């Protein structure tokens, strides 16, 4: 199944595609340990909901990492 994460097309192969699985396919292990926010089709998803949030073909996921600055 193909979906988009940060505008990049990715394919995930699983019987039960969830947001958690998609993020594990896209993010490096180091990135997975960092703080980040996720929106699925423009709607914020809480980290506690990743395992049970289903993703569908063509969905758009945005992963946002905090930046330092001032």
PDB file of N, CA and C in Angstrom:
ATOM      1  N   UNK A   1       0.838  -1.161   0.000  1.00  0.00           N
ATOM      2  CA  UNK A   1       0.000   0.000   0.000  1.00  0.00           C
ATOM      3  C   UNK A   1       0.893   1.237   0.000  1.00  0.00           C
ATOM      4  N   UNK A   2       0.529   2.214  -0.802  1.00  0.00           N
ATOM      5  CA  UNK A   2       1.302   3.457  -0.847  1.00  0.00           C
ATOM      6  C   UNK A   2       0.576   4.573  -0.108  1.00  0.00           C
ATOM      7  N   UNK A   3       1.356   5.362   0.618  1.00  0.00           N
ATOM      8  CA  UNK A   3       0.870   6.571   1.246  1.00  0.00           C
ATOM      9  C   UNK A   3       1.993   7.594   1.206  1.00  0.00           C
ATOM     10  N   UNK A   4       1.717   8.777   1.669  1.00  0.00           N
ATOM     11  CA  UNK A   4       2.698   9.857   1.615  1.00  0.00           C
ATOM     12  C   UNK A   4       3.049  10.318   3.019  1.00  0.00           C
ATOM     13  N   UNK A   5       4.349  10.380   3.292  1.00  0.00           N
ATOM     14  CA  UNK A   5       4.830  10.929   4.552  1.00  0.00           C
ATOM     15  C   UNK A   5       5.745  12.088   4.209  1.00  0.00           C
ATOM     16  N   UNK A   6       5.386  13.255   4.706  1.00  0.00           N
ATOM     17  CA  UNK A   6       6.111  14.499   4.399  1.00  0.00           C
ATOM     18  C   UNK A   6       6.300  14.666   2.889  1.00  0.00           C
ATOM     19  N   UNK A   7       5.274  14.303   2.131  1.00  0.00           N
ATOM     20  CA  UNK A   7       5.287  14.462   0.690  1.00  0.00           C
ATOM     21  C   UNK A   7       5.999  13.372  -0.076  1.00  0.00           C
ATOM     22  N   UNK A   8       6.632  12.452   0.630  1.00  0.00           N
ATOM     23  CA  UNK A   8       7.375  11.360  -0.012  1.00  0.00           C
ATOM     24  C   UNK A   8       6.503  10.105  -0.047  1.00  0.00           C
ATOM     25  N   UNK A   9       6.407   9.499  -1.207  1.00  0.00           N
ATOM     26  CA  UNK A   9       5.628   8.277  -1.363  1.00  0.00           C
ATOM     27  C   UNK A   9       6.385   7.107  -0.737  1.00  0.00           C
ATOM     28  N   UNK A  10       5.702   6.367   0.141  1.00  0.00           N
ATOM     29  CA  UNK A  10       6.305   5.168   0.719  1.00  0.00           C
ATOM     30  C   UNK A  10       5.319   4.013   0.572  1.00  0.00           C
ATOM     31  N   UNK A  11       5.853   2.824   0.564  1.00  0.00           N
ATOM     32  CA  UNK A  11       5.028   1.618   0.499  1.00  0.00           C
ATOM     33  C   UNK A  11       5.191   0.841   1.791  1.00  0.00           C
ATOM     34  N   UNK A  12       4.080   0.378   2.319  1.00  0.00           N
ATOM     35  CA  UNK A  12       4.136  -0.495   3.481  1.00  0.00           C
ATOM     36  C   UNK A  12       3.368  -1.765   3.140  1.00  0.00           C
ATOM     37  N   UNK A  13       3.909  -2.869   3.568  1.00  0.00           N
ATOM     38  CA  UNK A  13       3.305  -4.173   3.299  1.00  0.00           C
ATOM     39  C   UNK A  13       2.930  -4.811   4.627  1.00  0.00           C
ATOM     40  N   UNK A  14       1.665  -4.749   4.952  1.00  0.00           N
ATOM     41  CA  UNK A  14       1.170  -5.352   6.187  1.00  0.00           C
ATOM     42  C   UNK A  14      -0.321  -5.600   6.040  1.00  0.00           C
ATOM     43  N   UNK A  15      -0.826  -6.560   6.783  1.00  0.00           N
ATOM     44  CA  UNK A  15      -2.260  -6.855   6.745  1.00  0.00           C
ATOM     45  C   UNK A  15      -3.082  -5.822   7.501  1.00  0.00           C
ATOM     46  N   UNK A  16      -2.468  -5.192   8.509  1.00  0.00           N
ATOM     47  CA  UNK A  16      -3.163  -4.190   9.308  1.00  0.00           C
ATOM     48  C   UNK A  16      -2.340  -2.910   9.339  1.00  0.00           C
ATOM     49  N   UNK A  17      -2.458  -2.074   8.296  1.00  0.00           N
ATOM     50  CA  UNK A  17      -1.641  -0.860   8.246  1.00  0.00           C
ATOM     51  C   UNK A  17      -2.089   0.170   9.284  1.00  0.00           C
ATOM     52  N   UNK A  18      -1.170   0.491  10.168  1.00  0.00           N
ATOM     53  CA  UNK A  18      -1.448   1.503  11.190  1.00  0.00           C
ATOM     54  C   UNK A  18      -0.437   2.633  11.056  1.00  0.00           C
ATOM     55  N   UNK A  19      -0.737   3.715  11.712  1.00  0.00           N
ATOM     56  CA  UNK A  19       0.167   4.853  11.715  1.00  0.00           C
ATOM     57  C   UNK A  19       1.510   4.470  12.328  1.00  0.00           C
ATOM     58  N   UNK A  20       1.499   3.654  13.359  1.00  0.00           N
ATOM     59  CA  UNK A  20       2.740   3.211  13.989  1.00  0.00           C
ATOM     60  C   UNK A  20       3.622   2.460  12.990  1.00  0.00           C
ATOM     61  N   UNK A  21       3.048   1.544  12.239  1.00  0.00           N
ATOM     62  CA  UNK A  21       3.809   0.780  11.249  1.00  0.00           C
ATOM     63  C   UNK A  21       4.382   1.714  10.187  1.00  0.00           C
ATOM     64  N   UNK A  22       3.584   2.648   9.706  1.00  0.00           N
ATOM     65  CA  UNK A  22       4.050   3.591   8.686  1.00  0.00           C
ATOM     66  C   UNK A  22       5.221   4.420   9.205  1.00  0.00           C
ATOM     67  N   UNK A  23       5.124   4.890  10.438  1.00  0.00           N
ATOM     68  CA  UNK A  23       6.210   5.693  11.013  1.00  0.00           C
ATOM     69  C   UNK A  23       7.469   4.859  11.202  1.00  0.00           C
ATOM     70  N   UNK A  24       7.316   3.605  11.598  1.00  0.00           N
ATOM     71  CA  UNK A  24       8.477   2.738  11.763  1.00  0.00           C
ATOM     72  C   UNK A  24       9.169   2.478  10.429  1.00  0.00           C
ATOM     73  N   UNK A  25       8.413   2.440   9.350  1.00  0.00           N
ATOM     74  CA  UNK A  25       9.003   2.252   8.019  1.00  0.00           C
ATOM     75  C   UNK A  25       9.716   3.506   7.531  1.00  0.00           C
ATOM     76  N   UNK A  26       9.233   4.663   7.933  1.00  0.00           N
ATOM     77  CA  UNK A  26       9.743   5.929   7.411  1.00  0.00           C
ATOM     78  C   UNK A  26      10.880   6.521   8.256  1.00  0.00           C
ATOM     79  N   UNK A  27      10.718   6.507   9.568  1.00  0.00           N
ATOM     80  CA  UNK A  27      11.682   7.161  10.456  1.00  0.00           C
ATOM     81  C   UNK A  27      12.853   6.246  10.790  1.00  0.00           C
ATOM     82  N   UNK A  28      14.020   6.848  10.957  1.00  0.00           N
ATOM     83  CA  UNK A  28      15.176   6.096  11.429  1.00  0.00           C
ATOM     84  C   UNK A  28      14.976   5.767  12.901  1.00  0.00           C
ATOM     85  N   UNK A  29      15.698   4.785  13.435  1.00  0.00           N
ATOM     86  CA  UNK A  29      15.581   4.490  14.871  1.00  0.00           C
ATOM     87  C   UNK A  29      15.879   5.713  15.746  1.00  0.00           C
ATOM     88  N   UNK A  30      16.850   6.525  15.356  1.00  0.00           N
ATOM     89  CA  UNK A  30      17.149   7.737  16.130  1.00  0.00           C
ATOM     90  C   UNK A  30      15.983   8.713  16.100  1.00  0.00           C
ATOM     91  N   UNK A  31      15.382   8.894  14.942  1.00  0.00           N
ATOM     92  CA  UNK A  31      14.245   9.809  14.831  1.00  0.00           C
ATOM     93  C   UNK A  31      13.056   9.307  15.645  1.00  0.00           C
ATOM     94  N   UNK A  32      12.883   8.003  15.713  1.00  0.00           N
ATOM     95  CA  UNK A  32      11.767   7.436  16.469  1.00  0.00           C
ATOM     96  C   UNK A  32      11.888   7.745  17.961  1.00  0.00           C
ATOM     97  N   UNK A  33      13.103   7.979  18.435  1.00  0.00           N
ATOM     98  CA  UNK A  33      13.323   8.279  19.854  1.00  0.00           C
ATOM     99  C   UNK A  33      13.135   9.755  20.171  1.00  0.00           C
ATOM    100  N   UNK A  34      13.078  10.601  19.154  1.00  0.00           N
ATOM    101  CA  UNK A  34      12.936  12.044  19.350  1.00  0.00           C
ATOM    102  C   UNK A  34      11.466  12.416  19.548  1.00  0.00           C
ATOM    103  N   UNK A  35      11.265  13.641  19.999  1.00  0.00           N
ATOM    104  CA  UNK A  35       9.910  14.181  20.100  1.00  0.00           C
ATOM    105  C   UNK A  35       9.474  14.669  18.726  1.00  0.00           C
ATOM    106  N   UNK A  36       8.240  14.364  18.362  1.00  0.00           N
ATOM    107  CA  UNK A  36       7.691  14.851  17.104  1.00  0.00           C
ATOM    108  C   UNK A  36       6.172  14.816  17.182  1.00  0.00           C
ATOM    109  N   UNK A  37       5.547  15.575  16.307  1.00  0.00           N
ATOM    110  CA  UNK A  37       4.090  15.601  16.203  1.00  0.00           C
ATOM    111  C   UNK A  37       3.705  15.008  14.859  1.00  0.00           C
ATOM    112  N   UNK A  38       2.524  14.406  14.807  1.00  0.00           N
ATOM    113  CA  UNK A  38       2.068  13.760  13.577  1.00  0.00           C
ATOM    114  C   UNK A  38       0.646  14.210  13.254  1.00  0.00           C
ATOM    115  N   UNK A  39       0.439  14.509  11.977  1.00  0.00           N
ATOM    116  CA  UNK A  39      -0.906  14.804  11.471  1.00  0.00           C
ATOM    117  C   UNK A  39      -1.223  13.807  10.363  1.00  0.00           C
ATOM    118  N   UNK A  40      -2.400  13.249  10.409  1.00  0.00           N
ATOM    119  CA  UNK A  40      -2.876  12.319   9.384  1.00  0.00           C
ATOM    120  C   UNK A  40      -3.988  13.023   8.621  1.00  0.00           C
ATOM    121  N   UNK A  41      -3.737  13.267   7.345  1.00  0.00           N
ATOM    122  CA  UNK A  41      -4.694  13.994   6.502  1.00  0.00           C
ATOM    123  C   UNK A  41      -5.109  15.321   7.143  1.00  0.00           C
ATOM    124  N   UNK A  42      -4.122  15.987   7.757  1.00  0.00           N
ATOM    125  CA  UNK A  42      -4.350  17.311   8.337  1.00  0.00           C
ATOM    126  C   UNK A  42      -4.862  17.318   9.765  1.00  0.00           C
ATOM    127  N   UNK A  43      -5.096  16.158  10.351  1.00  0.00           N
ATOM    128  CA  UNK A  43      -5.608  16.075  11.718  1.00  0.00           C
ATOM    129  C   UNK A  43      -4.548  15.523  12.653  1.00  0.00           C
ATOM    130  N   UNK A  44      -4.282  16.259  13.755  1.00  0.00           N
ATOM    131  CA  UNK A  44      -3.308  15.829  14.745  1.00  0.00           C
ATOM    132  C   UNK A  44      -3.704  14.473  15.315  1.00  0.00           C
ATOM    133  N   UNK A  45      -2.703  13.606  15.511  1.00  0.00           N
ATOM    134  CA  UNK A  45      -2.923  12.294  16.121  1.00  0.00           C
ATOM    135  C   UNK A  45      -2.006  12.182  17.335  1.00  0.00           C
ATOM    136  N   UNK A  46      -2.567  11.858  18.476  1.00  0.00           N
ATOM    137  CA  UNK A  46      -1.803  11.690  19.711  1.00  0.00           C
ATOM    138  C   UNK A  46      -0.922  10.449  19.614  1.00  0.00           C
ATOM    139  N   UNK A  47       0.245  10.526  20.213  1.00  0.00           N
ATOM    140  CA  UNK A  47       1.189   9.407  20.184  1.00  0.00           C
ATOM    141  C   UNK A  47       0.562   8.118  20.722  1.00  0.00           C
ATOM    142  N   UNK A  48      -0.298   8.243  21.707  1.00  0.00           N
ATOM    143  CA  UNK A  48      -0.935   7.050  22.279  1.00  0.00           C
ATOM    144  C   UNK A  48      -1.893   6.379  21.286  1.00  0.00           C
ATOM    145  N   UNK A  49      -2.300   7.108  20.243  1.00  0.00           N
ATOM    146  CA  UNK A  49      -3.225   6.555  19.260  1.00  0.00           C
ATOM    147  C   UNK A  49      -2.546   5.948  18.039  1.00  0.00           C
ATOM    148  N   UNK A  50      -1.223   6.091  17.901  1.00  0.00           N
ATOM    149  CA  UNK A  50      -0.526   5.565  16.713  1.00  0.00           C
ATOM    150  C   UNK A  50      -0.811   4.081  16.461  1.00  0.00           C
ATOM    151  N   UNK A  51      -0.754   3.220  17.500  1.00  0.00           N
ATOM    152  CA  UNK A  51      -0.930   1.783  17.244  1.00  0.00           C
ATOM    153  C   UNK A  51      -2.312   1.403  16.713  1.00  0.00           C
ATOM    154  N   UNK A  52      -3.357   2.156  17.066  1.00  0.00           N
ATOM    155  CA  UNK A  52      -4.700   1.788  16.622  1.00  0.00           C
ATOM    156  C   UNK A  52      -5.273   2.702  15.542  1.00  0.00           C
ATOM    157  N   UNK A  53      -4.470   3.659  15.053  1.00  0.00           N
ATOM    158  CA  UNK A  53      -4.934   4.536  13.985  1.00  0.00           C
ATOM    159  C   UNK A  53      -4.618   3.908  12.632  1.00  0.00           C
ATOM    160  N   UNK A  54      -5.652   3.550  11.898  1.00  0.00           N
ATOM    161  CA  UNK A  54      -5.476   2.920  10.592  1.00  0.00           C
ATOM    162  C   UNK A  54      -5.072   3.957   9.549  1.00  0.00           C
ATOM    163  N   UNK A  55      -4.250   3.525   8.604  1.00  0.00           N
ATOM    164  CA  UNK A  55      -3.921   4.359   7.454  1.00  0.00           C
ATOM    165  C   UNK A  55      -4.425   3.657   6.207  1.00  0.00           C
ATOM    166  N   UNK A  56      -4.764   4.451   5.210  1.00  0.00           N
ATOM    167  CA  UNK A  56      -5.313   3.921   3.972  1.00  0.00           C
ATOM    168  C   UNK A  56      -4.474   4.374   2.792  1.00  0.00           C
ATOM    169  N   UNK A  57      -4.617   3.668   1.696  1.00  0.00           N
ATOM    170  CA  UNK A  57      -3.905   4.011   0.466  1.00  0.00           C
ATOM    171  C   UNK A  57      -4.149   5.487   0.134  1.00  0.00           C
ATOM    172  N   UNK A  58      -3.048   6.201  -0.126  1.00  0.00           N
ATOM    173  CA  UNK A  58      -3.134   7.595  -0.528  1.00  0.00           C
ATOM    174  C   UNK A  58      -3.199   8.595   0.616  1.00  0.00           C
ATOM    175  N   UNK A  59      -3.232   8.117   1.864  1.00  0.00           N
ATOM    176  CA  UNK A  59      -3.258   9.035   3.001  1.00  0.00           C
ATOM    177  C   UNK A  59      -2.002   9.894   3.017  1.00  0.00           C
ATOM    178  N   UNK A  60      -2.127  11.052   3.641  1.00  0.00           N
ATOM    179  CA  UNK A  60      -1.005  11.974   3.785  1.00  0.00           C
ATOM    180  C   UNK A  60      -0.670  12.127   5.273  1.00  0.00           C
ATOM    181  N   UNK A  61       0.585  11.836   5.604  1.00  0.00           N
ATOM    182  CA  UNK A  61       1.061  11.939   6.982  1.00  0.00           C
ATOM    183  C   UNK A  61       2.129  13.024   7.028  1.00  0.00           C
ATOM    184  N   UNK A  62       2.009  13.929   7.984  1.00  0.00           N
ATOM    185  CA  UNK A  62       3.028  14.954   8.199  1.00  0.00           C
ATOM    186  C   UNK A  62       3.681  14.700   9.542  1.00  0.00           C
ATOM    187  N   UNK A  63       5.007  14.605   9.533  1.00  0.00           N
ATOM    188  CA  UNK A  63       5.784  14.419  10.754  1.00  0.00           C
ATOM    189  C   UNK A  63       6.569  15.706  10.984  1.00  0.00           C
ATOM    190  N   UNK A  64       6.347  16.317  12.151  1.00  0.00           N
ATOM    191  CA  UNK A  64       6.962  17.601  12.463  1.00  0.00           C
ATOM    192  C   UNK A  64       7.860  17.484  13.680  1.00  0.00           C
ATOM    193  N   UNK A  65       9.125  17.809  13.488  1.00  0.00           N
ATOM    194  CA  UNK A  65      10.096  17.802  14.585  1.00  0.00           C
ATOM    195  C   UNK A  65      10.267  19.224  15.087  1.00  0.00           C
ATOM    196  N   UNK A  66      10.397  19.407  16.401  1.00  0.00           N
ATOM    197  CA  UNK A  66      10.622  20.756  16.923  1.00  0.00           C
ATOM    198  C   UNK A  66      11.998  21.266  16.482  1.00  0.00           C
ATOM    199  N   UNK A  67      12.090  22.565  16.288  1.00  0.00           N
ATOM    200  CA  UNK A  67      13.376  23.168  15.930  1.00  0.00           C
ATOM    201  C   UNK A  67      13.750  24.191  16.988  1.00  0.00           C
ATOM    202  N   UNK A  68      15.036  24.352  17.179  1.00  0.00           N
ATOM    203  CA  UNK A  68      15.552  25.310  18.145  1.00  0.00           C
ATOM    204  C   UNK A  68      15.840  26.619  17.415  1.00  0.00           C
ATOM    205  N   UNK A  69      15.689  27.673  18.091  1.00  0.00           N
ATOM    206  CA  UNK A  69      15.992  28.952  17.462  1.00  0.00           C
ATOM    207  C   UNK A  69      15.481  30.103  18.315  1.00  0.00           C
ATOM    208  N   UNK A  70      15.738  31.255  17.804  1.00  0.00           N
ATOM    209  CA  UNK A  70      15.245  32.365  18.602  1.00  0.00           C
ATOM    210  C   UNK A  70      15.561  33.656  18.089  1.00  0.00           C
TER     211      UNK A  70
END
